[in-house]
């Protein structure tokens, strides 16, 4: 049985889930958080389905060793591939996932093409296909995988300029007649400055992190699992890599404001 003073666990294939954690920490300042980044196995987006499920269960089991009261799958690829299985194995555990925020893009723009940027695995999973089909009759939705981009961000060194060079080439044939760009990977909000150098200010950049954080708060409220408000929240960070550089990058990304005008 969960108690309200237990921590909330987050996991991602690497440092990307920090974009979701930031929103959750802002919305839930009295909660204790444990973040696990599986950078040794990053990215998940180029792996087969069974491998992603296995890695996701390993991450969940690690977080549950800290008696977490809820788990946030802060990775689009892991959400698409494994969240149904995680919920089936742990039916009494609140498990929150993240998916490309297509509805947000549609609600905030009257018309125009929507570009979804994500990993290859996310775009080819049934979960995304169903989501895309749900809105494709009313809007033109185009998806583009970006293999190799997660690795650039995970490397941490000069990743804005390296990401910009990568994106200029990857997006050179993309029609600029867009209403919005949906970031379908939790790593991508951190390269928003690079995206803004390519897409005009009139094009909305949409990130699902805030919606995921709001859903987490809703679920904890419904389950009466919110921590007492006189408690000052804490954060513990773990990574499957023993690299101190990745831990430092995790904390640095927590301080960045690169997503400040992303919905």
Protein backbone atom coordinates (compact mmCIF):
# COMPACT_ATOMS: atom_id res chain seq x y z
CA UNK A 1 0.00 0.00 0.00
CA UNK A 2 1.35 3.40 -1.03
CA UNK A 3 1.79 6.27 1.44
CA UNK A 4 1.86 9.97 0.63
CA UNK A 5 5.37 10.44 2.05
CA UNK A 6 6.91 8.00 -0.43
CA UNK A 7 8.87 9.36 -3.42
CA UNK A 8 7.85 9.60 -7.07
CA UNK A 9 10.04 7.71 -9.53
CA UNK A 10 10.97 8.97 -13.00
CA UNK A 11 12.90 7.11 -15.67
CA UNK A 12 14.09 7.76 -19.19
CA UNK A 13 16.59 6.28 -21.62
CA UNK A 14 18.96 9.03 -20.52
CA UNK A 15 18.79 12.69 -19.54
CA UNK A 16 15.75 13.57 -21.67
CA UNK A 17 13.19 12.86 -18.97
CA UNK A 18 14.57 15.83 -17.06
CA UNK A 19 12.34 18.00 -19.30
CA UNK A 20 9.33 16.27 -17.72
CA UNK A 21 10.80 16.21 -14.22
CA UNK A 22 11.34 19.98 -14.32
CA UNK A 23 7.63 20.56 -14.88
CA UNK A 24 6.68 18.07 -12.16
CA UNK A 25 9.01 19.69 -9.62
CA UNK A 26 7.50 23.10 -10.38
CA UNK A 27 3.96 21.78 -10.04
CA UNK A 28 4.64 19.55 -7.02
CA UNK A 29 7.26 21.35 -4.90
CA UNK A 30 6.50 19.30 -1.78
CA UNK A 31 7.22 15.92 -3.37
CA UNK A 32 10.38 13.83 -3.21
CA UNK A 33 11.62 12.65 -6.61
CA UNK A 34 13.99 9.92 -7.73
CA UNK A 35 15.26 10.12 -11.31
CA UNK A 36 16.90 7.23 -13.15
CA UNK A 37 18.53 7.80 -16.52
CA UNK A 38 19.55 4.71 -18.46
CA UNK A 39 22.26 6.41 -20.49
CA UNK A 40 24.24 3.18 -20.91
CA UNK A 41 21.43 1.95 -23.16
CA UNK A 42 20.47 5.26 -24.78
CA UNK A 43 18.78 5.72 -27.11
CA UNK A 44 15.83 3.36 -26.77
CA UNK A 45 14.46 4.57 -30.11
CA UNK A 46 16.66 2.30 -32.23
CA UNK A 47 16.05 -0.87 -30.19
CA UNK A 48 13.58 -3.70 -30.76
CA UNK A 49 10.34 -3.88 -28.81
CA UNK A 50 11.32 -6.67 -26.42
CA UNK A 51 14.60 -4.99 -25.51
CA UNK A 52 12.80 -1.74 -24.70
CA UNK A 53 10.32 -3.61 -22.51
CA UNK A 54 13.13 -5.42 -20.68
CA UNK A 55 15.04 -2.19 -20.05
CA UNK A 56 11.85 -0.44 -18.91
CA UNK A 57 11.07 -3.15 -16.38
CA UNK A 58 14.63 -2.97 -15.07
CA UNK A 59 14.21 0.78 -14.56
CA UNK A 60 10.84 0.35 -12.84
CA UNK A 61 12.19 -2.34 -10.53
CA UNK A 62 15.12 -0.09 -9.60
CA UNK A 63 12.76 2.75 -8.71
CA UNK A 64 10.46 0.47 -6.75
CA UNK A 65 13.42 -0.50 -4.58
CA UNK A 66 12.99 3.02 -3.15
CA UNK A 67 9.30 2.34 -2.40
CA UNK A 68 8.06 4.84 -5.00
CA UNK A 69 4.35 5.63 -4.77
CA UNK A 70 4.09 6.41 -8.48
CA UNK A 71 6.19 5.91 -11.61
CA UNK A 72 6.49 8.36 -14.49
CA UNK A 73 7.71 6.86 -17.75
CA UNK A 74 9.41 10.07 -18.89
CA UNK A 75 10.35 8.62 -22.27
CA UNK A 76 8.12 8.63 -25.35
CA UNK A 77 9.66 5.45 -26.72
CA UNK A 78 9.27 3.50 -23.47
CA UNK A 79 5.70 4.79 -23.09
CA UNK A 80 4.81 3.59 -26.58
CA UNK A 81 6.51 0.23 -26.20
CA UNK A 82 6.12 -0.77 -22.56
CA UNK A 83 3.62 1.21 -20.49
CA UNK A 84 0.73 -1.21 -21.06
CA UNK A 85 2.89 -4.10 -19.82
CA UNK A 86 4.11 -2.11 -16.82
CA UNK A 87 0.55 -1.27 -15.80
CA UNK A 88 -0.47 -4.90 -16.24
CA UNK A 89 2.34 -6.12 -13.99
CA UNK A 90 1.73 -3.45 -11.33
CA UNK A 91 -2.05 -2.85 -11.39
CA UNK A 92 -2.09 -0.98 -8.06
CA UNK A 93 0.77 1.35 -8.97
CA UNK A 94 -0.06 4.72 -10.57
CA UNK A 95 1.99 4.75 -13.79
CA UNK A 96 2.03 7.91 -15.91
CA UNK A 97 3.40 8.06 -19.46
CA UNK A 98 4.07 10.71 -22.07
CA UNK A 99 2.99 10.89 -25.69
CA UNK A 100 3.34 13.45 -28.51
CA UNK A 101 1.06 16.39 -27.70
CA UNK A 102 -0.90 16.40 -30.95
CA UNK A 103 -4.12 17.52 -29.29
CA UNK A 104 -2.36 20.52 -27.77
CA UNK A 105 -1.01 21.49 -31.20
CA UNK A 106 -4.46 21.21 -32.76
CA UNK A 107 -6.19 23.12 -29.95
CA UNK A 108 -3.74 26.02 -30.21
CA UNK A 109 -3.65 26.41 -34.00
CA UNK A 110 -6.55 26.97 -36.39
CA UNK A 111 -5.09 25.20 -39.40
CA UNK A 112 -1.82 24.28 -41.08
CA UNK A 113 0.42 21.26 -41.21
CA UNK A 114 1.73 19.66 -38.00
CA UNK A 115 5.24 18.19 -37.92
CA UNK A 116 5.98 15.49 -35.34
CA UNK A 117 9.65 14.91 -34.47
CA UNK A 118 10.38 11.68 -32.60
CA UNK A 119 12.41 8.49 -32.55
CA UNK A 120 11.79 5.85 -35.16
CA UNK A 121 10.37 3.43 -32.57
CA UNK A 122 7.85 5.96 -31.23
CA UNK A 123 6.59 6.78 -34.71
CA UNK A 124 6.13 3.14 -35.68
CA UNK A 125 4.41 1.91 -32.52
CA UNK A 126 0.66 1.29 -32.58
CA UNK A 127 0.11 3.84 -29.80
CA UNK A 128 1.33 6.71 -31.98
CA UNK A 129 -0.44 5.44 -35.10
CA UNK A 130 -3.75 5.43 -33.23
CA UNK A 131 -3.10 8.91 -31.88
CA UNK A 132 -2.19 10.21 -35.33
CA UNK A 133 -5.22 8.57 -36.96
CA UNK A 134 -7.46 10.21 -34.38
CA UNK A 135 -6.57 13.68 -35.68
CA UNK A 136 -5.42 13.08 -39.26
CA UNK A 137 -8.88 13.59 -40.76
CA UNK A 138 -8.95 17.21 -39.64
CA UNK A 139 -5.26 18.10 -39.98
CA UNK A 140 -2.28 17.19 -42.12
CA UNK A 141 0.16 15.42 -39.79
CA UNK A 142 3.70 14.70 -40.97
CA UNK A 143 6.18 12.70 -38.90
CA UNK A 144 9.96 12.63 -39.11
CA UNK A 145 12.35 10.36 -37.19
CA UNK A 146 15.65 11.92 -36.08
CA UNK A 147 18.13 9.06 -35.58
CA UNK A 148 21.31 10.12 -33.83
CA UNK A 149 19.94 13.30 -32.26
CA UNK A 150 19.51 11.80 -28.79
CA UNK A 151 23.17 10.78 -28.81
CA UNK A 152 24.23 14.36 -29.57
CA UNK A 153 22.24 15.64 -26.59
CA UNK A 154 23.45 12.85 -24.30
CA UNK A 155 27.05 13.72 -25.15
CA UNK A 156 26.46 17.10 -23.55
CA UNK A 157 29.40 18.91 -25.14
CA UNK A 158 28.34 21.87 -27.29
CA UNK A 159 25.11 20.03 -28.04
CA UNK A 160 23.19 23.16 -29.13
CA UNK A 161 25.51 23.91 -32.04
CA UNK A 162 25.89 20.24 -32.94
CA UNK A 163 22.11 19.81 -32.81
CA UNK A 164 21.63 22.86 -35.01
CA UNK A 165 24.00 21.45 -37.64
CA UNK A 166 22.18 18.11 -37.47
CA UNK A 167 18.72 19.70 -37.71
CA UNK A 168 19.62 21.96 -40.63
CA UNK A 169 20.45 18.88 -42.67
CA UNK A 170 17.62 16.67 -41.35
CA UNK A 171 14.97 19.35 -41.93
CA UNK A 172 16.25 20.87 -45.18
CA UNK A 173 13.52 19.19 -47.26
CA UNK A 174 10.70 19.78 -44.78
CA UNK A 175 7.95 22.14 -45.92
CA UNK A 176 8.12 25.30 -43.79
CA UNK A 177 4.37 25.88 -44.25
CA UNK A 178 3.68 24.58 -40.76
CA UNK A 179 1.43 25.64 -37.93
CA UNK A 180 3.26 23.69 -35.26
CA UNK A 181 6.09 21.31 -34.43
CA UNK A 182 5.41 18.57 -31.88
CA UNK A 183 8.41 17.32 -29.91
CA UNK A 184 7.81 13.59 -29.54
CA UNK A 185 10.95 12.80 -27.53
CA UNK A 186 11.70 14.12 -24.06
CA UNK A 187 15.28 14.96 -25.08
CA UNK A 188 14.13 17.44 -27.73
CA UNK A 189 12.92 20.36 -25.55
CA UNK A 190 16.55 20.97 -24.63
CA UNK A 191 17.40 21.83 -28.25
CA UNK A 192 14.55 24.28 -28.63
CA UNK A 193 17.01 27.18 -29.24
CA UNK A 194 18.38 25.23 -32.21
CA UNK A 195 14.86 24.58 -33.49
CA UNK A 196 14.01 28.26 -33.15
CA UNK A 197 16.91 29.13 -35.45
CA UNK A 198 15.21 27.01 -38.11
CA UNK A 199 11.50 27.64 -37.51
CA UNK A 200 9.99 31.11 -37.28
CA UNK A 201 8.33 32.43 -34.13
CA UNK A 202 4.93 32.02 -35.82
CA UNK A 203 5.36 28.24 -35.72
CA UNK A 204 4.26 26.81 -32.39
CA UNK A 205 6.62 24.34 -30.71
CA UNK A 206 4.67 21.89 -28.55
CA UNK A 207 6.04 19.70 -25.79
CA UNK A 208 3.99 17.20 -23.77
CA UNK A 209 5.94 17.55 -20.52
CA UNK A 210 3.57 19.96 -18.81
CA UNK A 211 0.54 17.83 -19.62
CA UNK A 212 2.28 14.80 -18.15
CA UNK A 213 3.12 16.70 -14.96
CA UNK A 214 -0.49 17.87 -14.64
CA UNK A 215 -1.72 14.32 -15.10
CA UNK A 216 0.67 13.14 -12.39
CA UNK A 217 -0.76 15.71 -9.98
CA UNK A 218 -4.32 14.71 -10.89
CA UNK A 219 -3.63 11.03 -10.23
CA UNK A 220 -1.88 11.69 -6.91
CA UNK A 221 -4.79 13.89 -5.86
CA UNK A 222 -7.34 11.24 -6.82
CA UNK A 223 -5.40 8.59 -4.90
CA UNK A 224 -4.88 10.89 -1.89
CA UNK A 225 -1.11 10.52 -2.30
CA UNK A 226 0.02 14.16 -2.31
CA UNK A 227 2.77 14.90 0.21
CA UNK A 228 2.02 17.27 3.09
CA UNK A 229 2.56 20.90 2.10
CA UNK A 230 4.89 21.59 5.02
CA UNK A 231 7.47 19.28 3.44
CA UNK A 232 10.27 20.62 1.23
CA UNK A 233 10.69 18.31 -1.74
CA UNK A 234 13.98 16.59 -2.56
CA UNK A 235 15.62 15.04 -5.62
CA UNK A 236 17.98 12.09 -6.00
CA UNK A 237 19.52 11.36 -9.41
CA UNK A 238 20.87 8.01 -10.61
CA UNK A 239 22.27 6.93 -13.96
CA UNK A 240 23.17 3.49 -15.30
CA UNK A 241 26.45 5.01 -16.48
CA UNK A 242 29.12 5.69 -13.86
CA UNK A 243 30.03 8.89 -15.68
CA UNK A 244 29.99 11.93 -13.41
CA UNK A 245 29.66 13.98 -16.61
CA UNK A 246 26.15 12.61 -17.15
CA UNK A 247 25.10 13.35 -13.59
CA UNK A 248 26.46 16.88 -13.99
CA UNK A 249 24.60 17.22 -17.31
CA UNK A 250 21.39 16.09 -15.61
CA UNK A 251 21.61 18.85 -13.01
CA UNK A 252 22.67 21.41 -15.63
CA UNK A 253 19.62 20.62 -17.76
CA UNK A 254 17.41 21.08 -14.72
CA UNK A 255 18.63 24.69 -14.55
CA UNK A 256 18.20 25.53 -18.23
CA UNK A 257 15.31 27.65 -19.52
CA UNK A 258 15.36 26.35 -23.10
CA UNK A 259 11.72 25.29 -22.89
CA UNK A 260 10.33 28.47 -21.35
CA UNK A 261 7.92 29.30 -24.20
CA UNK A 262 7.00 25.77 -25.22
CA UNK A 263 3.44 24.76 -24.44
